[in-house]
Amino acid sequence: MLRTISLLLFSALIFSGCEDAFTTVIDADPPPFTRKMVVHSYCEDTPDTPQKLYLETNRNIFDAQDQSLPITDATIEILEDGLVVGQFVHGISPAQNEYVTSQDNLFSKVGAEYMIRLRAPGIPDAESRQFLPAPVQIADALYVEDLAVDEDGDRVNGFKVTFSDLPEEGNYFLLECYDLSIPDYRLPLESTDPYVRALGDGFILISDAGNNGFDQAFEMYAYQANASGDYEFILYHISRDLYQYLLSIDKHINNDIDFFSEPSFVSSNIENGLGIFSLSSKTRKEVRK
């Protein structure tokens, strides 16, 4: 604690002694600003459920007060293997940037290439492509007492989740766990597994690096897990695009609170635009007492 306080005081002295350095004005012309579409769409193979897409434009560096710039008059086509099969249409939700699919079950053909094609007045056209990955079943999900040792050296309860990895390389997964005794409560998960990355909002990201075509058990712990609880795991088979996007978002958020961090760039898979269009398949597994 004393060492931390000393470091903070030393930093304060450095900055107070360099006040003039921070008054230097750099005269530079920013690059030309071009309006682009910003897409956020996380679509699933969920039957009988419309999928959503959120659409805005990017902001000029000088538009500090423009917190939201929704696009409400876009045309968004959905193509399956090159053929138009539906649209995202502007919804009636209070969220002005929300679009929904014109029909249910649009993303249902495993292995098919789905493309979204976006057009809006005064903004360059944009597009993105994704393949719908095959669903992967969770073979087992077990509660284990004192499963892991956390960063403080304390024993914590957790789970062992096993599923069969697909034979091909480059598979990525997202895992979440819900406490069934609390409606819509996602249990925060952590892990020390080298192929597992815990995100700040309780999700677990898994890469199949070093493991192709074999059953593998992943260990994760949760401070609130206990033997008397009922839990449900949801496993999403996701694309590499979404995996990289979520990692870059997590890094960007962490950098915002780290004074000494280097600038981070958010990944994107929108051609001629920004953001993410992703497809995933999901399966469920319950852990009952």
Protein backbone atom coordinates (compact mmCIF):
# COMPACT_ATOMS: atom_id res chain seq x y z
CA MET A 1 0.00 0.00 0.00
CA LEU A 2 2.80 2.45 0.92
CA ARG A 3 4.59 1.63 -2.30
CA THR A 4 1.41 2.35 -4.28
CA ILE A 5 0.89 5.69 -2.53
CA SER A 6 4.52 6.64 -3.14
CA LEU A 7 4.15 5.85 -6.83
CA LEU A 8 1.01 7.98 -7.06
CA LEU A 9 2.71 10.90 -5.31
CA PHE A 10 5.74 10.56 -7.57
CA SER A 11 3.49 10.59 -10.63
CA ALA A 12 1.70 13.67 -9.31
CA LEU A 13 5.01 15.47 -8.88
CA ILE A 14 6.09 14.59 -12.40
CA PHE A 15 2.86 15.90 -13.91
CA SER A 16 2.81 19.06 -11.78
CA GLY A 17 6.39 19.83 -12.74
CA CYS A 18 5.65 19.38 -16.44
CA GLU A 19 2.61 21.61 -16.69
CA ASP A 20 4.10 23.67 -19.50
CA ALA A 21 4.69 20.52 -21.55
CA PHE A 22 0.96 19.87 -21.67
CA THR A 23 0.19 23.32 -23.04
CA THR A 24 2.01 22.63 -26.30
CA VAL A 25 -0.28 22.98 -29.31
CA ILE A 26 0.25 20.66 -32.24
CA ASP A 27 -1.02 22.01 -35.53
CA ALA A 28 -2.07 19.04 -37.65
CA ASP A 29 -4.76 18.43 -40.21
CA PRO A 30 -6.96 15.42 -39.35
CA PRO A 31 -7.66 12.93 -42.15
CA PRO A 32 -10.84 13.54 -44.18
CA PHE A 33 -13.94 12.26 -42.40
CA THR A 34 -16.23 9.83 -44.23
CA ARG A 35 -19.59 8.73 -42.92
CA LYS A 36 -19.75 4.96 -42.59
CA MET A 37 -22.30 2.49 -41.34
CA VAL A 38 -21.67 1.00 -37.89
CA VAL A 39 -23.28 -2.43 -37.53
CA HIS A 40 -23.85 -4.56 -34.44
CA SER A 41 -25.62 -7.84 -35.15
CA TYR A 42 -25.24 -11.09 -33.20
CA CYS A 43 -27.49 -13.59 -34.97
CA GLU A 44 -28.24 -17.16 -33.88
CA ASP A 45 -29.84 -20.30 -35.26
CA THR A 46 -32.69 -19.87 -32.75
CA PRO A 47 -35.99 -21.15 -34.24
CA ASP A 48 -39.08 -18.93 -34.22
CA THR A 49 -37.15 -15.90 -33.01
CA PRO A 50 -36.53 -12.77 -35.09
CA GLN A 51 -32.91 -11.67 -35.18
CA LYS A 52 -31.79 -8.10 -34.62
CA LEU A 53 -29.35 -5.65 -36.11
CA TYR A 54 -28.41 -2.23 -34.73
CA LEU A 55 -27.32 0.42 -37.21
CA GLU A 56 -25.76 3.84 -36.69
CA THR A 57 -23.13 6.00 -38.36
CA ASN A 58 -19.67 6.73 -37.06
CA ARG A 59 -18.94 10.08 -35.43
CA ASN A 60 -16.55 12.81 -36.46
CA ILE A 61 -13.74 13.42 -33.98
CA PHE A 62 -15.15 16.93 -33.50
CA ASP A 63 -18.73 15.69 -32.88
CA ALA A 64 -18.20 15.18 -29.17
CA GLN A 65 -21.88 15.77 -28.37
CA ASP A 66 -23.20 13.26 -30.90
CA GLN A 67 -23.64 10.23 -28.65
CA SER A 68 -25.99 8.37 -31.00
CA LEU A 69 -26.52 8.76 -34.73
CA PRO A 70 -29.05 6.07 -35.71
CA ILE A 71 -29.82 5.23 -39.33
CA THR A 72 -33.54 4.69 -39.78
CA ASP A 73 -33.94 4.53 -43.56
CA ALA A 74 -31.54 1.76 -44.56
CA THR A 75 -32.28 -1.16 -46.87
CA ILE A 76 -30.68 -4.34 -45.53
CA GLU A 77 -30.89 -7.50 -47.63
CA ILE A 78 -30.05 -10.99 -46.37
CA LEU A 79 -28.59 -13.45 -48.87
CA GLU A 80 -28.13 -17.20 -48.43
CA ASP A 81 -25.50 -18.68 -50.77
CA GLY A 82 -25.97 -15.71 -53.10
CA LEU A 83 -29.79 -15.62 -53.16
CA VAL A 84 -31.88 -12.98 -51.38
CA VAL A 85 -33.97 -14.71 -48.69
CA GLY A 86 -35.13 -11.81 -46.52
CA GLN A 87 -34.41 -8.43 -45.02
CA PHE A 88 -33.69 -6.61 -41.82
CA VAL A 89 -36.45 -4.01 -41.51
CA HIS A 90 -36.60 -0.99 -39.24
CA GLY A 91 -38.59 -2.05 -36.19
CA ILE A 92 -41.12 -0.33 -33.95
CA SER A 93 -38.89 -0.59 -30.90
CA PRO A 94 -38.12 2.61 -28.96
CA ALA A 95 -34.50 2.03 -30.00
CA GLN A 96 -34.28 4.03 -33.23
CA ASN A 97 -31.24 2.08 -34.42
CA GLU A 98 -32.92 -1.35 -34.23
CA TYR A 99 -33.79 -3.52 -37.24
CA VAL A 100 -35.35 -7.00 -37.11
CA THR A 101 -35.53 -9.85 -39.60
CA SER A 102 -38.62 -9.85 -41.81
CA GLN A 103 -39.29 -13.51 -40.89
CA ASP A 104 -38.14 -16.11 -38.39
CA ASN A 105 -35.60 -18.88 -38.99
CA LEU A 106 -33.67 -17.00 -41.67
CA PHE A 107 -30.31 -18.25 -40.40
CA SER A 108 -30.84 -22.00 -40.24
CA LYS A 109 -28.73 -23.75 -42.89
CA VAL A 110 -25.50 -25.04 -41.35
CA GLY A 111 -22.50 -24.33 -43.55
CA ALA A 112 -24.33 -21.82 -45.74
CA GLU A 113 -22.77 -18.45 -46.51
CA TYR A 114 -24.99 -15.63 -45.31
CA MET A 115 -24.40 -12.11 -46.49
CA ILE A 116 -25.96 -8.83 -45.42
CA ARG A 117 -25.99 -5.97 -47.92
CA LEU A 118 -26.65 -2.50 -46.52
CA ARG A 119 -27.65 0.67 -48.36
CA ALA A 120 -28.64 4.08 -46.95
CA PRO A 121 -28.92 7.54 -48.55
CA GLY A 122 -25.72 9.57 -48.40
CA ILE A 123 -23.62 6.76 -46.89
CA PRO A 124 -21.37 4.29 -48.75
CA ASP A 125 -22.86 0.81 -49.21
CA ALA A 126 -21.55 -1.87 -46.86
CA GLU A 127 -21.67 -5.66 -46.62
CA SER A 128 -20.49 -8.59 -44.56
CA ARG A 129 -20.37 -12.38 -44.90
CA GLN A 130 -20.57 -15.21 -42.37
CA PHE A 131 -20.95 -18.99 -42.45
CA LEU A 132 -23.38 -20.58 -40.01
CA PRO A 133 -21.31 -22.97 -37.86
CA ALA A 134 -22.56 -26.40 -36.84
CA PRO A 135 -23.98 -26.75 -33.31
CA VAL A 136 -21.72 -28.50 -30.80
CA GLN A 137 -23.30 -30.46 -27.96
CA ILE A 138 -22.07 -30.16 -24.40
CA ALA A 139 -21.27 -33.75 -23.39
CA ASP A 140 -21.10 -33.01 -19.68
CA ALA A 141 -21.18 -30.13 -17.21
CA LEU A 142 -20.29 -30.98 -13.62
CA TYR A 143 -20.14 -28.94 -10.44
CA VAL A 144 -16.84 -29.51 -8.57
CA GLU A 145 -16.13 -28.40 -5.02
CA ASP A 146 -12.82 -26.54 -4.54
CA LEU A 147 -12.02 -26.93 -8.23
CA ALA A 148 -9.45 -24.19 -8.67
CA VAL A 149 -7.13 -21.77 -6.93
CA ASP A 150 -7.83 -18.12 -7.70
CA GLU A 151 -5.32 -15.27 -8.05
CA ASP A 152 -5.31 -14.73 -4.30
CA GLY A 153 -4.46 -18.37 -3.60
CA ASP A 154 -7.93 -19.28 -2.31
CA ARG A 155 -9.80 -22.44 -3.23
CA VAL A 156 -13.00 -21.76 -5.18
CA ASN A 157 -15.84 -23.90 -6.49
CA GLY A 158 -16.36 -24.36 -10.19
CA PHE A 159 -17.40 -26.50 -13.12
CA LYS A 160 -15.91 -28.94 -15.61
CA VAL A 161 -17.52 -28.56 -19.02
CA THR A 162 -16.78 -31.15 -21.72
CA PHE A 163 -17.64 -31.06 -25.40
CA SER A 164 -16.31 -32.60 -28.62
CA ASP A 165 -14.21 -30.27 -30.72
CA LEU A 166 -14.73 -30.45 -34.46
CA PRO A 167 -12.01 -32.03 -36.64
CA GLU A 168 -11.15 -28.89 -38.60
CA GLU A 169 -8.91 -26.22 -37.19
CA GLY A 170 -10.01 -22.73 -36.27
CA ASN A 171 -13.07 -23.35 -34.11
CA TYR A 172 -14.11 -20.83 -31.50
CA PHE A 173 -16.69 -20.95 -28.77
CA LEU A 174 -18.43 -18.70 -26.29
CA LEU A 175 -19.78 -20.14 -23.05
CA GLU A 176 -22.09 -18.64 -20.44
CA CYS A 177 -23.75 -19.97 -17.30
CA TYR A 178 -27.05 -18.96 -15.72
CA ASP A 179 -28.16 -19.46 -12.13
CA LEU A 180 -31.67 -20.89 -12.60
CA SER A 181 -32.82 -19.65 -9.18
CA ILE A 182 -32.41 -16.02 -10.30
CA PRO A 183 -34.21 -14.98 -13.52
CA ASP A 184 -31.80 -14.01 -16.32
CA TYR A 185 -28.79 -13.95 -13.98
CA ARG A 186 -25.51 -14.80 -15.70
CA LEU A 187 -23.00 -16.33 -13.30
CA PRO A 188 -19.59 -14.60 -13.64
CA LEU A 189 -17.05 -17.21 -14.74
CA GLU A 190 -13.26 -17.16 -14.47
CA SER A 191 -10.62 -19.62 -15.65
CA THR A 192 -6.90 -20.33 -15.54
CA ASP A 193 -7.02 -22.52 -18.65
CA PRO A 194 -4.58 -21.20 -21.32
CA TYR A 195 -7.16 -21.72 -24.09
CA VAL A 196 -9.89 -19.91 -22.17
CA ARG A 197 -10.39 -16.18 -21.89
CA ALA A 198 -12.81 -14.73 -19.34
CA LEU A 199 -14.48 -11.52 -20.43
CA GLY A 200 -15.51 -8.80 -18.01
CA ASP A 201 -19.24 -9.46 -18.35
CA GLY A 202 -19.07 -13.11 -17.29
CA PHE A 203 -18.65 -14.78 -20.69
CA ILE A 204 -15.97 -17.35 -21.44
CA LEU A 205 -14.20 -17.42 -24.81
CA ILE A 206 -12.60 -20.70 -25.91
CA SER A 207 -10.17 -21.37 -28.76
CA ASP A 208 -9.52 -24.89 -30.06
CA ALA A 209 -5.82 -24.16 -30.60
CA GLY A 210 -3.87 -27.34 -29.97
CA ASN A 211 -7.00 -29.51 -29.90
CA ASN A 212 -8.82 -30.69 -33.00
CA GLY A 213 -11.38 -33.48 -33.07
CA PHE A 214 -11.13 -34.68 -29.46
CA ASP A 215 -13.27 -34.38 -26.34
CA GLN A 216 -11.83 -31.77 -24.04
CA ALA A 217 -12.84 -30.63 -20.57
CA PHE A 218 -12.49 -26.97 -19.70
CA GLU A 219 -12.34 -25.85 -16.09
CA MET A 220 -13.80 -22.61 -14.84
CA TYR A 221 -14.63 -21.28 -11.42
CA ALA A 222 -17.32 -19.03 -10.03
CA TYR A 223 -17.31 -17.46 -6.58
CA GLN A 224 -21.08 -17.79 -6.26
CA ALA A 225 -21.30 -21.45 -7.33
CA ASN A 226 -22.46 -23.93 -4.70
CA ALA A 227 -23.54 -27.56 -4.52
CA SER A 228 -27.22 -26.72 -3.88
CA GLY A 229 -27.62 -24.60 -7.02
CA ASP A 230 -29.17 -25.37 -10.38
CA TYR A 231 -27.35 -23.98 -13.41
CA GLU A 232 -27.65 -23.91 -17.17
CA PHE A 233 -24.71 -23.66 -19.56
CA ILE A 234 -25.14 -22.28 -23.07
CA LEU A 235 -22.42 -23.05 -25.62
CA TYR A 236 -22.18 -20.92 -28.75
CA HIS A 237 -20.13 -22.09 -31.71
CA ILE A 238 -18.95 -18.73 -33.07
CA SER A 239 -16.85 -17.42 -35.93
CA ARG A 240 -13.27 -16.25 -35.75
CA ASP A 241 -14.55 -12.76 -36.59
CA LEU A 242 -16.71 -12.62 -33.46
CA TYR A 243 -13.93 -14.15 -31.33
CA GLN A 244 -11.49 -11.43 -32.38
CA TYR A 245 -14.15 -8.72 -32.06
CA LEU A 246 -15.02 -9.67 -28.48
CA LEU A 247 -11.34 -9.85 -27.53
CA SER A 248 -10.69 -6.43 -29.02
CA ILE A 249 -13.72 -4.93 -27.24
CA ASP A 250 -12.53 -6.40 -23.93
CA LYS A 251 -9.03 -5.02 -24.49
CA HIS A 252 -10.42 -1.61 -25.44
CA ILE A 253 -12.53 -1.45 -22.26
CA ASN A 254 -9.59 -2.47 -20.09
CA ASN A 255 -7.35 0.08 -21.79
CA ASP A 256 -9.83 2.83 -20.96
CA ILE A 257 -9.13 2.31 -17.26
CA ASP A 258 -5.38 1.68 -17.62
CA PHE A 259 -3.45 4.94 -17.78
CA PHE A 260 -0.28 3.32 -19.14
CA SER A 261 -1.89 1.09 -21.78
CA GLU A 262 -1.22 1.42 -25.48
CA PRO A 263 -4.05 2.39 -27.86
CA SER A 264 -6.25 -0.51 -28.91
CA PHE A 265 -8.23 -0.98 -32.11
CA VAL A 266 -11.60 -2.68 -32.27
CA SER A 267 -11.82 -5.47 -34.83
CA SER A 268 -14.44 -5.26 -37.59
CA ASN A 269 -15.80 -7.52 -40.34
CA ILE A 270 -18.00 -4.96 -42.12
CA GLU A 271 -16.65 -4.28 -45.60
CA ASN A 272 -16.69 -0.52 -46.24
CA GLY A 273 -18.10 0.01 -42.74
CA LEU A 274 -17.48 -0.72 -39.06
CA GLY A 275 -18.70 -3.18 -36.46
CA ILE A 276 -19.68 -6.83 -36.46
CA PHE A 277 -22.11 -9.18 -38.18
CA SER A 278 -21.89 -12.65 -36.67
CA LEU A 279 -23.66 -15.99 -36.82
CA SER A 280 -23.57 -18.65 -34.13
CA SER A 281 -25.26 -21.91 -33.24
CA LYS A 282 -26.02 -22.75 -29.62
CA THR A 283 -26.73 -25.72 -27.38
CA ARG A 284 -27.70 -26.00 -23.72
CA LYS A 285 -26.82 -28.22 -20.75
CA GLU A 286 -28.25 -28.10 -17.23
CA VAL A 287 -26.41 -28.83 -13.99
CA ARG A 288 -28.93 -29.95 -11.37
CA LYS A 289 -28.34 -30.70 -7.70
